[in-house]
């Protein structure tokens, strides 16, 4: 029974960023009857080594539609070409208007220390918009929010500064559906990312074999708990089960603190860090915003 229907906004730079970083928790919100919207600020037109920008843009829109169809997530894509996001006044106003229109209870996005300029600039756009969401004289054509929503950062491995999780959510119960979402991004997980990782020749042609390959190497299912050292083994797929297991391995104690010893054997999890630019995450509103 849903006491309060939440509106969840997940803002990634590219089609698939949200799928990879928060697809599991998005599915858990959907299961409980909440509304989830994915926004890709870029149009996906840069993510291929053979197809033209227009061809891959169209294809990635279709892939996002497939994700929406199997998940129940609403999926928006802006018209900014890949590698060209700029945190300027025009895009700041666009972001403020977009967030005000949706009126989310919580926002998820990138941290602003990241290898990719699009990721950094999307993070900066959300940061720049955060306070302005409540300022009536900025974008006066659309009603301001009464307060800035809680803002959470996706997990990443960057070290300056290190990611420090505030919330770690097990996703074992939705991992298979998350992989179906990831599989929908065919142009990325079976073409572009293998190309950039130098393993394109390893990708199977058969769809069923591809789905198996995507998860390799798979994590032990016999109760053996991985260590952080185990995470360093070779990953032929960019979305191997080891990647999906990383937050569960690194932050197992936080999972136990939240869910008790029964959750010690969690295989897969997603982790998020509170942004200081949004509303504070308190013990009270955490129970509402993360009702799992």
Protein backbone atom coordinates (compact mmCIF):
# COMPACT_ATOMS: atom_id res chain seq x y z
CA UNK A 1 0.00 0.00 0.00
CA UNK A 2 1.50 3.33 -1.07
CA UNK A 3 1.05 6.04 1.57
CA UNK A 4 2.55 8.81 -0.55
CA UNK A 5 3.08 8.50 -4.28
CA UNK A 6 6.58 9.77 -4.94
CA UNK A 7 7.85 11.45 -8.07
CA UNK A 8 11.40 10.33 -8.81
CA UNK A 9 13.60 12.18 -11.30
CA UNK A 10 16.83 10.55 -12.47
CA UNK A 11 19.03 12.82 -14.61
CA UNK A 12 21.80 11.28 -16.67
CA UNK A 13 23.98 12.73 -19.37
CA UNK A 14 23.29 9.99 -21.94
CA UNK A 15 20.64 7.39 -22.73
CA UNK A 16 21.72 4.42 -20.56
CA UNK A 17 23.42 6.38 -17.74
CA UNK A 18 20.31 6.13 -15.58
CA UNK A 19 19.73 2.51 -16.61
CA UNK A 20 23.23 1.54 -15.48
CA UNK A 21 23.49 3.60 -12.28
CA UNK A 22 19.99 3.51 -10.83
CA UNK A 23 17.93 1.11 -12.92
CA UNK A 24 17.52 -1.25 -9.99
CA UNK A 25 16.18 1.28 -7.52
CA UNK A 26 14.00 2.76 -10.29
CA UNK A 27 12.36 -0.64 -10.69
CA UNK A 28 11.81 -0.89 -6.94
CA UNK A 29 10.05 2.49 -6.92
CA UNK A 30 7.86 1.37 -9.84
CA UNK A 31 6.98 -1.86 -8.01
CA UNK A 32 5.62 0.21 -5.12
CA UNK A 33 3.47 2.38 -7.39
CA UNK A 34 5.67 5.48 -7.51
CA UNK A 35 6.37 7.52 -10.66
CA UNK A 36 9.87 7.45 -12.14
CA UNK A 37 11.15 9.66 -14.93
CA UNK A 38 14.52 9.28 -16.64
CA UNK A 39 16.01 12.33 -18.33
CA UNK A 40 18.93 12.00 -20.73
CA UNK A 41 20.31 15.48 -21.32
CA UNK A 42 22.20 14.32 -24.44
CA UNK A 43 20.60 12.72 -27.48
CA UNK A 44 23.00 9.76 -27.71
CA UNK A 45 24.35 10.80 -31.11
CA UNK A 46 28.02 10.30 -30.24
CA UNK A 47 27.94 6.70 -29.02
CA UNK A 48 28.96 4.65 -32.03
CA UNK A 49 32.02 3.87 -34.12
CA UNK A 50 30.21 3.16 -37.42
CA UNK A 51 26.78 4.77 -37.48
CA UNK A 52 26.28 8.45 -38.22
CA UNK A 53 25.16 10.79 -35.43
CA UNK A 54 21.63 10.94 -36.83
CA UNK A 55 21.41 7.17 -37.24
CA UNK A 56 22.55 6.41 -33.72
CA UNK A 57 20.38 9.18 -32.25
CA UNK A 58 17.28 7.57 -33.76
CA UNK A 59 18.37 4.11 -32.71
CA UNK A 60 19.03 5.16 -29.13
CA UNK A 61 15.61 6.78 -28.87
CA UNK A 62 14.11 3.41 -29.86
CA UNK A 63 16.29 1.66 -27.26
CA UNK A 64 15.10 4.09 -24.57
CA UNK A 65 11.50 3.41 -25.62
CA UNK A 66 12.15 -0.32 -25.19
CA UNK A 67 13.48 0.31 -21.68
CA UNK A 68 10.38 2.36 -20.87
CA UNK A 69 8.11 -0.40 -22.20
CA UNK A 70 9.52 -3.15 -19.97
CA UNK A 71 10.01 -1.02 -16.86
CA UNK A 72 7.14 1.46 -16.68
CA UNK A 73 9.64 4.33 -16.50
CA UNK A 74 8.93 7.56 -18.39
CA UNK A 75 11.96 8.35 -20.56
CA UNK A 76 12.79 11.87 -21.82
CA UNK A 77 15.73 12.72 -24.07
CA UNK A 78 16.82 16.27 -24.82
CA UNK A 79 18.18 17.36 -28.20
CA UNK A 80 21.74 18.24 -27.12
CA UNK A 81 24.38 16.28 -29.09
CA UNK A 82 26.73 14.02 -27.14
CA UNK A 83 29.95 15.71 -25.99
CA UNK A 84 28.38 19.17 -26.30
CA UNK A 85 26.59 19.78 -22.98
CA UNK A 86 27.50 23.19 -21.58
CA UNK A 87 26.44 24.50 -18.19
CA UNK A 88 25.40 27.88 -19.56
CA UNK A 89 22.48 30.19 -18.76
CA UNK A 90 20.25 28.78 -21.49
CA UNK A 91 20.60 25.21 -20.25
CA UNK A 92 20.35 26.33 -16.64
CA UNK A 93 16.96 27.86 -17.35
CA UNK A 94 15.92 24.78 -19.28
CA UNK A 95 16.86 22.56 -16.34
CA UNK A 96 15.06 24.77 -13.81
CA UNK A 97 11.90 24.81 -15.91
CA UNK A 98 12.07 21.06 -16.45
CA UNK A 99 12.44 20.24 -12.75
CA UNK A 100 9.75 22.72 -11.72
CA UNK A 101 7.35 21.19 -14.26
CA UNK A 102 7.86 17.68 -12.91
CA UNK A 103 8.03 18.67 -9.21
CA UNK A 104 10.09 15.67 -8.07
CA UNK A 105 10.38 14.57 -4.46
CA UNK A 106 13.96 13.44 -5.07
CA UNK A 107 16.55 13.80 -7.85
CA UNK A 108 19.40 11.44 -8.74
CA UNK A 109 22.32 12.51 -10.92
CA UNK A 110 26.08 12.39 -11.54
CA UNK A 111 28.75 13.82 -9.28
CA UNK A 112 30.64 16.70 -10.84
CA UNK A 113 34.06 15.01 -10.64
CA UNK A 114 33.97 12.61 -13.57
CA UNK A 115 36.02 11.67 -16.61
CA UNK A 116 33.28 12.68 -19.05
CA UNK A 117 32.58 16.35 -19.73
CA UNK A 118 28.90 15.60 -20.33
CA UNK A 119 28.60 13.93 -16.92
CA UNK A 120 30.36 16.85 -15.22
CA UNK A 121 28.27 19.49 -16.95
CA UNK A 122 24.99 17.72 -16.25
CA UNK A 123 26.00 17.52 -12.59
CA UNK A 124 26.82 21.23 -12.68
CA UNK A 125 23.51 22.06 -14.33
CA UNK A 126 21.63 20.29 -11.55
CA UNK A 127 23.83 21.99 -8.95
CA UNK A 128 23.27 25.42 -10.53
CA UNK A 129 19.54 24.80 -10.73
CA UNK A 130 19.17 23.53 -7.16
CA UNK A 131 18.79 26.84 -5.36
CA UNK A 132 17.16 28.61 -8.29
CA UNK A 133 14.25 26.17 -8.19
CA UNK A 134 12.77 28.24 -5.35
CA UNK A 135 13.64 31.73 -6.71
CA UNK A 136 10.44 33.32 -8.15
CA UNK A 137 12.21 35.91 -10.30
CA UNK A 138 14.29 33.30 -12.12
CA UNK A 139 12.21 31.81 -14.94
CA UNK A 140 9.11 33.65 -13.66
CA UNK A 141 7.01 32.02 -16.38
CA UNK A 142 6.76 28.82 -14.34
CA UNK A 143 5.80 28.47 -10.67
CA UNK A 144 8.83 28.00 -8.37
CA UNK A 145 9.07 25.04 -6.04
CA UNK A 146 8.44 25.61 -2.34
CA UNK A 147 11.71 23.84 -1.50
CA UNK A 148 14.60 22.21 -3.27
CA UNK A 149 14.20 18.42 -3.43
CA UNK A 150 16.68 15.99 -1.93
CA UNK A 151 19.45 15.39 -4.49
CA UNK A 152 21.43 12.16 -4.60
CA UNK A 153 24.57 11.26 -6.55
CA UNK A 154 25.11 8.04 -8.50
CA UNK A 155 27.87 5.70 -7.36
CA UNK A 156 31.22 6.09 -9.13
CA UNK A 157 34.84 5.06 -8.60
CA UNK A 158 36.49 8.47 -8.85
CA UNK A 159 38.89 9.36 -6.06
CA UNK A 160 39.08 13.16 -5.90
CA UNK A 161 37.05 13.14 -3.74
CA UNK A 162 36.04 9.54 -3.02
CA UNK A 163 32.40 8.56 -3.25
CA UNK A 164 30.93 8.21 0.25
CA UNK A 165 27.57 6.41 0.24
CA UNK A 166 24.69 7.51 2.43
CA UNK A 167 22.19 4.99 1.08
CA UNK A 168 22.90 1.46 -0.21
CA UNK A 169 19.92 -0.49 -1.54
CA UNK A 170 19.98 -4.24 -2.34
CA UNK A 171 18.60 -4.97 -5.81
CA UNK A 172 18.80 -8.78 -5.94
CA UNK A 173 15.01 -8.95 -6.43
CA UNK A 174 15.10 -6.81 -9.59
CA UNK A 175 18.53 -7.63 -11.04
CA UNK A 176 17.15 -9.78 -13.86
CA UNK A 177 14.81 -7.01 -15.00
CA UNK A 178 17.63 -4.49 -14.72
CA UNK A 179 19.66 -6.67 -17.06
CA UNK A 180 16.73 -6.71 -19.47
CA UNK A 181 16.84 -2.90 -19.39
CA UNK A 182 20.58 -2.92 -20.00
CA UNK A 183 20.12 -5.44 -22.83
CA UNK A 184 17.75 -2.99 -24.55
CA UNK A 185 20.74 -0.67 -25.03
CA UNK A 186 22.06 -2.96 -27.76
CA UNK A 187 24.05 -0.32 -29.61
CA UNK A 188 26.00 0.39 -26.44
CA UNK A 189 26.52 -2.90 -24.59
CA UNK A 190 27.14 -5.07 -27.65
CA UNK A 191 28.74 -2.55 -30.02
CA UNK A 192 30.06 0.79 -28.79
CA UNK A 193 31.32 -0.12 -25.31
CA UNK A 194 32.95 -3.38 -26.46
CA UNK A 195 34.58 -1.36 -29.26
CA UNK A 196 35.99 1.19 -26.82
CA UNK A 197 37.13 -1.59 -24.48
CA UNK A 198 38.82 -3.53 -27.28
CA UNK A 199 36.64 -6.64 -26.89
CA UNK A 200 34.24 -6.26 -29.82
CA UNK A 201 35.43 -9.58 -31.24
CA UNK A 202 34.20 -11.35 -28.09
CA UNK A 203 30.55 -10.33 -28.48
CA UNK A 204 28.28 -13.25 -29.48
CA UNK A 205 25.84 -12.87 -32.38
CA UNK A 206 23.00 -14.89 -30.84
CA UNK A 207 20.70 -12.86 -28.58
CA UNK A 208 20.53 -15.50 -25.86
CA UNK A 209 24.29 -15.88 -25.82
CA UNK A 210 24.65 -12.11 -25.70
CA UNK A 211 22.54 -11.94 -22.56
CA UNK A 212 24.78 -14.54 -20.93
CA UNK A 213 27.94 -12.76 -22.11
CA UNK A 214 26.67 -9.43 -20.79
CA UNK A 215 26.69 -10.77 -17.22
CA UNK A 216 30.12 -12.42 -17.38
CA UNK A 217 31.86 -12.98 -15.11
CA UNK A 218 28.94 -13.94 -12.89
CA UNK A 219 29.15 -13.72 -9.12
CA UNK A 220 29.05 -16.89 -6.95
CA UNK A 221 25.54 -18.00 -6.04
CA UNK A 222 26.62 -20.56 -3.41
CA UNK A 223 26.83 -18.16 -0.48
CA UNK A 224 30.47 -17.20 -1.12
CA UNK A 225 30.91 -13.49 -0.43
CA UNK A 226 33.17 -11.58 -2.80
CA UNK A 227 35.98 -9.40 -1.48
CA UNK A 228 37.11 -6.09 -2.96
CA UNK A 229 40.14 -7.89 -4.38
CA UNK A 230 37.79 -10.15 -6.34
CA UNK A 231 36.37 -7.09 -8.09
CA UNK A 232 39.65 -6.49 -9.90
CA UNK A 233 39.37 -9.53 -12.15
CA UNK A 234 39.05 -9.05 -15.90
CA UNK A 235 35.59 -7.99 -17.02
CA UNK A 236 34.88 -8.81 -20.68
CA UNK A 237 31.52 -7.06 -20.42
CA UNK A 238 31.18 -3.47 -19.28
CA UNK A 239 28.11 -4.53 -17.30
CA UNK A 240 29.29 -7.79 -15.77
CA UNK A 241 27.70 -9.07 -12.59
CA UNK A 242 30.89 -8.03 -10.81
CA UNK A 243 30.14 -4.42 -11.67
CA UNK A 244 26.57 -4.73 -10.42
CA UNK A 245 27.89 -6.40 -7.26
CA UNK A 246 30.52 -3.74 -6.51
CA UNK A 247 28.41 -1.55 -4.14
CA UNK A 248 27.24 -4.65 -2.25
CA UNK A 249 30.84 -5.77 -1.78
CA UNK A 250 32.31 -2.39 -0.88
CA UNK A 251 29.49 -1.24 1.39
CA UNK A 252 28.22 -4.50 2.86
CA UNK A 253 28.35 -3.12 6.40
CA UNK A 254 26.00 -0.28 5.48
CA UNK A 255 23.56 -2.80 4.03
CA UNK A 256 23.68 -4.78 7.28
CA UNK A 257 23.17 -1.60 9.32
CA UNK A 258 20.04 -0.80 7.32
CA UNK A 259 18.54 -4.26 6.85
CA UNK A 260 20.14 -6.43 9.53
CA UNK A 261 22.23 -9.59 9.35
CA UNK A 262 19.68 -11.23 7.05
CA UNK A 263 20.96 -8.95 4.27
CA UNK A 264 24.61 -9.96 4.70
CA UNK A 265 24.43 -12.22 1.65
CA UNK A 266 23.19 -9.47 -0.68
CA UNK A 267 24.71 -9.99 -4.12
CA UNK A 268 23.77 -6.80 -5.94
CA UNK A 269 23.19 -3.24 -4.75
CA UNK A 270 23.10 0.39 -5.83
CA UNK A 271 24.68 3.14 -3.73
CA UNK A 272 23.94 6.85 -3.55
CA UNK A 273 25.50 9.88 -1.86
CA UNK A 274 23.60 12.92 -0.62
CA UNK A 275 24.35 16.19 -2.40
CA UNK A 276 24.82 19.18 -0.12
CA UNK A 277 23.01 21.34 -2.70
CA UNK A 278 19.61 19.77 -2.12
CA UNK A 279 17.32 19.38 0.86
CA UNK A 280 18.83 17.51 3.80
CA UNK A 281 18.25 13.78 3.95
CA UNK A 282 17.03 13.09 7.47
CA UNK A 283 16.08 9.91 9.28
CA UNK A 284 12.43 10.89 8.85
CA UNK A 285 12.36 11.77 5.16
CA UNK A 286 14.75 8.94 4.31
CA UNK A 287 12.04 6.45 5.31
CA UNK A 288 9.64 8.17 2.93
CA UNK A 289 12.05 8.67 0.01
CA UNK A 290 13.66 5.22 0.24
CA UNK A 291 10.70 3.00 1.21
CA UNK A 292 12.49 -0.33 0.74
